[in-house]
Amino acid sequence: MVFYFTSNISGEEYTIYVGEDKYENEDLIKHGWPEDVWFHVDKVSSAHVYLRLKKEQTIDDIPAEVLSDCAQLVKANSIQGNKMNNVQIVYTPWANLKKTGDMADGQVGFFKQKDVKLTHVDKRINETINRLNKTKIEKHPDFRQEKEDRMRLERNEQKMRLNEQRLKEKEEIRRKKEEKEMRSYNKMFDESEMTSNQDGNDSDDFM
């Protein structure tokens, strides 16, 4: 089971989701999306919380209010971290999560440490947790199928863009050809290059 939350505090709607246990976390690690950002309490056991960004947004584009929502949610979903003040929350793009065969379920590393960020939480803010809990929805998603559907949609969109580009290129070639033919046509009838019988001595004079 996965728990979905909605953050509207920044003026835009963002989806935050949390796996119920380590098995859902494994699926999320394997089948996350490029727009997903992973959150975890640093050095303390906690749930894996994911934020789905908008397309073309990066981790640096997360609104401060949404970042705070994610940090509060991951702290609240840590048995130990929820009781602590002044905790650090680690977060990184989903694509930076590294999983090797010797790791336990739910355990991850990172490909690039420089892409890992930290945010500080002084204490639990109950108003934030209560607001997010009011949006909570439970689902049983098929992450593999969701990712395959998304990839299929992106491939179709890419094909449409390529077809549109080819049509534009063909239209541009046709337009340039017509312009060239028109210039040639106009040149043939340019008055400056035409002659008449007044330009020579072809008169019908009689002796």
Protein backbone atom coordinates (compact mmCIF):
# COMPACT_ATOMS: atom_id res chain seq x y z
CA MET A 1 0.00 0.00 0.00
CA VAL A 2 1.14 3.53 -0.73
CA PHE A 3 -0.09 6.70 0.96
CA TYR A 4 -0.54 9.75 -1.24
CA PHE A 5 -0.60 13.31 0.11
CA THR A 6 -1.25 16.62 -1.64
CA SER A 7 0.67 19.80 -0.86
CA ASN A 8 -1.02 23.03 -1.99
CA ILE A 9 0.77 25.39 0.36
CA SER A 10 2.97 26.95 -2.35
CA GLY A 11 0.00 27.83 -4.58
CA GLU A 12 0.71 24.84 -6.85
CA GLU A 13 -0.38 21.27 -6.27
CA TYR A 14 2.33 18.70 -5.57
CA THR A 15 1.98 14.98 -4.90
CA ILE A 16 3.93 13.42 -2.04
CA TYR A 17 3.81 9.68 -1.46
CA VAL A 18 5.08 7.19 1.07
CA GLY A 19 5.47 3.41 0.87
CA GLU A 20 3.82 1.48 3.71
CA ASP A 21 6.78 -0.83 4.21
CA LYS A 22 10.15 -1.87 2.82
CA TYR A 23 8.59 -3.86 -0.04
CA GLU A 24 6.79 -0.82 -1.44
CA ASN A 25 10.02 1.10 -0.92
CA GLU A 26 11.81 -1.44 -3.11
CA ASP A 27 9.26 -0.94 -5.88
CA LEU A 28 9.62 2.82 -5.60
CA ILE A 29 13.40 2.57 -5.83
CA LYS A 30 13.14 0.43 -8.98
CA HIS A 31 10.27 2.17 -10.74
CA GLY A 32 10.49 5.82 -9.76
CA TRP A 33 10.09 8.64 -12.26
CA PRO A 34 12.73 11.19 -13.31
CA GLU A 35 10.70 13.92 -11.59
CA ASP A 36 10.73 12.11 -8.23
CA VAL A 37 12.77 13.38 -5.29
CA TRP A 38 13.55 10.96 -2.45
CA PHE A 39 13.51 12.04 1.23
CA HIS A 40 14.76 10.24 4.36
CA VAL A 41 15.76 11.17 7.89
CA ASP A 42 19.55 11.31 7.93
CA LYS A 43 21.24 8.49 9.88
CA VAL A 44 17.92 7.35 11.38
CA SER A 45 15.45 4.72 10.20
CA SER A 46 12.42 6.29 8.55
CA ALA A 47 9.90 5.91 5.77
CA HIS A 48 10.95 6.72 2.22
CA VAL A 49 9.05 9.81 1.13
CA TYR A 50 8.86 10.88 -2.51
CA LEU A 51 7.92 14.22 -4.02
CA ARG A 52 6.87 14.30 -7.67
CA LEU A 53 8.01 17.48 -9.36
CA LYS A 54 6.54 19.01 -12.50
CA LYS A 55 8.13 18.13 -15.82
CA GLU A 56 11.37 20.03 -16.43
CA GLN A 57 11.62 21.04 -12.77
CA THR A 58 14.74 20.07 -10.85
CA ILE A 59 15.50 19.50 -7.20
CA ASP A 60 16.58 23.15 -6.98
CA ASP A 61 13.10 24.26 -8.07
CA ILE A 62 11.29 22.81 -5.04
CA PRO A 63 9.35 25.64 -3.35
CA ALA A 64 10.51 26.19 0.23
CA GLU A 65 7.00 25.51 1.58
CA VAL A 66 6.81 22.17 -0.25
CA LEU A 67 10.29 21.21 0.92
CA SER A 68 9.15 21.88 4.48
CA ASP A 69 6.04 19.71 3.96
CA CYS A 70 8.19 16.80 2.76
CA ALA A 71 10.65 17.21 5.62
CA GLN A 72 7.85 17.28 8.20
CA LEU A 73 6.21 14.22 6.65
CA VAL A 74 9.37 12.13 6.60
CA LYS A 75 10.15 13.10 10.20
CA ALA A 76 6.60 12.17 11.28
CA ASN A 77 7.03 8.77 9.62
CA SER A 78 10.16 7.89 11.55
CA ILE A 79 9.63 6.14 14.91
CA GLN A 80 12.85 7.56 16.30
CA GLY A 81 13.05 10.75 14.28
CA ASN A 82 9.51 11.79 15.20
CA LYS A 83 10.57 12.01 18.86
CA MET A 84 13.68 14.06 18.10
CA ASN A 85 14.24 17.77 17.63
CA ASN A 86 16.86 19.27 15.32
CA VAL A 87 17.02 16.46 12.78
CA GLN A 88 18.56 16.51 9.35
CA ILE A 89 16.56 15.34 6.32
CA VAL A 90 18.51 14.02 3.35
CA TYR A 91 17.03 14.30 -0.14
CA THR A 92 18.17 13.60 -3.67
CA PRO A 93 16.75 12.97 -7.17
CA TRP A 94 15.38 9.48 -7.66
CA ALA A 95 17.91 8.86 -10.45
CA ASN A 96 20.72 9.29 -7.91
CA LEU A 97 19.56 6.33 -5.80
CA LYS A 98 21.97 3.41 -6.01
CA LYS A 99 20.84 -0.14 -5.31
CA THR A 100 23.21 -3.11 -5.24
CA GLY A 101 22.52 -6.81 -4.74
CA ASP A 102 24.09 -6.96 -1.30
CA MET A 103 21.78 -4.28 0.12
CA ALA A 104 18.81 -5.14 2.33
CA ASP A 105 15.25 -4.32 1.22
CA GLY A 106 14.69 -0.58 1.46
CA GLN A 107 18.40 0.20 1.75
CA VAL A 108 19.93 2.55 -0.81
CA GLY A 109 23.14 4.38 -1.59
CA PHE A 110 23.94 7.24 -3.96
CA PHE A 111 25.72 7.45 -7.28
CA LYS A 112 26.88 11.04 -6.70
CA GLN A 113 27.25 12.43 -3.20
CA LYS A 114 27.30 15.98 -4.61
CA ASP A 115 23.67 15.52 -5.70
CA VAL A 116 22.57 14.79 -2.14
CA LYS A 117 21.11 17.71 -0.17
CA LEU A 118 20.21 18.29 3.46
CA THR A 119 17.45 20.31 5.09
CA HIS A 120 17.04 20.95 8.80
CA VAL A 121 13.90 20.40 10.88
CA ASP A 122 13.82 22.03 14.29
CA LYS A 123 10.74 20.23 15.55
CA ARG A 124 7.50 18.58 14.44
CA ILE A 125 4.83 21.03 13.31
CA ASN A 126 1.48 19.40 14.03
CA GLU A 127 -0.44 21.92 11.90
CA THR A 128 1.54 20.80 8.84
CA ILE A 129 1.04 17.09 9.51
CA ASN A 130 -2.69 17.59 10.18
CA ARG A 131 -3.09 19.55 6.94
CA LEU A 132 -1.33 16.86 4.90
CA ASN A 133 -3.21 14.02 6.61
CA LYS A 134 -6.51 15.57 5.49
CA THR A 135 -5.42 14.90 1.89
CA LYS A 136 -4.20 11.35 2.54
CA ILE A 137 -5.32 8.67 0.08
CA GLU A 138 -4.44 4.96 0.21
CA LYS A 139 -3.71 3.14 -3.05
CA HIS A 140 -2.31 -0.15 -4.29
CA PRO A 141 -0.50 1.02 -7.43
CA ASP A 142 1.35 -1.16 -9.90
CA PHE A 143 4.54 0.87 -10.17
CA ARG A 144 5.95 -1.23 -13.00
CA GLN A 145 2.81 -0.78 -15.11
CA GLU A 146 2.63 2.94 -14.32
CA LYS A 147 6.21 3.39 -15.50
CA GLU A 148 5.63 1.34 -18.67
CA ASP A 149 2.51 3.39 -19.45
CA ARG A 150 4.42 6.60 -18.93
CA MET A 151 7.32 5.47 -21.15
CA ARG A 152 4.85 4.42 -23.86
CA LEU A 153 3.17 7.82 -23.71
CA GLU A 154 6.51 9.60 -23.94
CA ARG A 155 7.52 7.49 -26.95
CA ASN A 156 4.25 8.38 -28.69
CA GLU A 157 4.76 12.05 -27.89
CA GLN A 158 8.30 11.86 -29.26
CA LYS A 159 7.04 10.25 -32.48
CA MET A 160 4.46 13.03 -32.87
CA ARG A 161 7.15 15.69 -32.38
CA LEU A 162 9.41 14.01 -34.94
CA ASN A 163 6.55 13.78 -37.46
CA GLU A 164 5.70 17.44 -36.91
CA GLN A 165 9.35 18.37 -37.39
CA ARG A 166 9.56 16.38 -40.64
CA LEU A 167 6.41 18.07 -41.95
CA LYS A 168 7.84 21.50 -41.10
CA GLU A 169 11.09 20.62 -42.86
CA LYS A 170 9.22 19.42 -45.96
CA GLU A 171 7.11 22.58 -45.96
CA GLU A 172 10.22 24.73 -45.66
CA ILE A 173 11.86 22.90 -48.60
CA ARG A 174 8.69 23.36 -50.68
CA ARG A 175 8.49 27.05 -49.79
CA LYS A 176 12.11 27.70 -50.72
CA LYS A 177 11.66 25.84 -54.00
CA GLU A 178 8.60 27.94 -54.86
CA GLU A 179 10.47 31.13 -54.02
CA LYS A 180 13.38 30.09 -56.21
CA GLU A 181 11.06 29.27 -59.11
CA MET A 182 9.26 32.58 -58.68
CA ARG A 183 12.54 34.51 -58.77
CA SER A 184 13.54 32.71 -61.95
CA TYR A 185 10.14 33.44 -63.49
CA ASN A 186 10.31 37.12 -62.59
CA LYS A 187 13.81 37.39 -63.98
CA MET A 188 12.66 36.09 -67.35
CA PHE A 189 10.16 38.94 -67.63
CA ASP A 190 12.24 41.66 -66.06
CA GLU A 191 11.79 44.71 -68.33
CA SER A 192 15.44 45.57 -67.93
CA GLU A 193 16.36 42.38 -69.77
CA MET A 194 13.73 42.63 -72.53
CA THR A 195 14.33 44.23 -75.98
CA SER A 196 12.01 45.75 -78.57
CA ASN A 197 12.30 46.67 -82.23
CA GLN A 198 13.13 50.22 -81.17
CA ASP A 199 16.45 49.03 -79.79
CA GLY A 200 17.83 48.13 -83.25
CA ASN A 201 17.63 49.11 -86.97
CA ASP A 202 14.89 46.75 -88.01
CA SER A 203 12.75 49.54 -89.55
CA ASP A 204 10.96 49.16 -92.88
CA ASP A 205 12.61 52.19 -94.58
CA PHE A 206 12.09 52.43 -98.39
CA MET A 207 14.60 53.87 -100.82
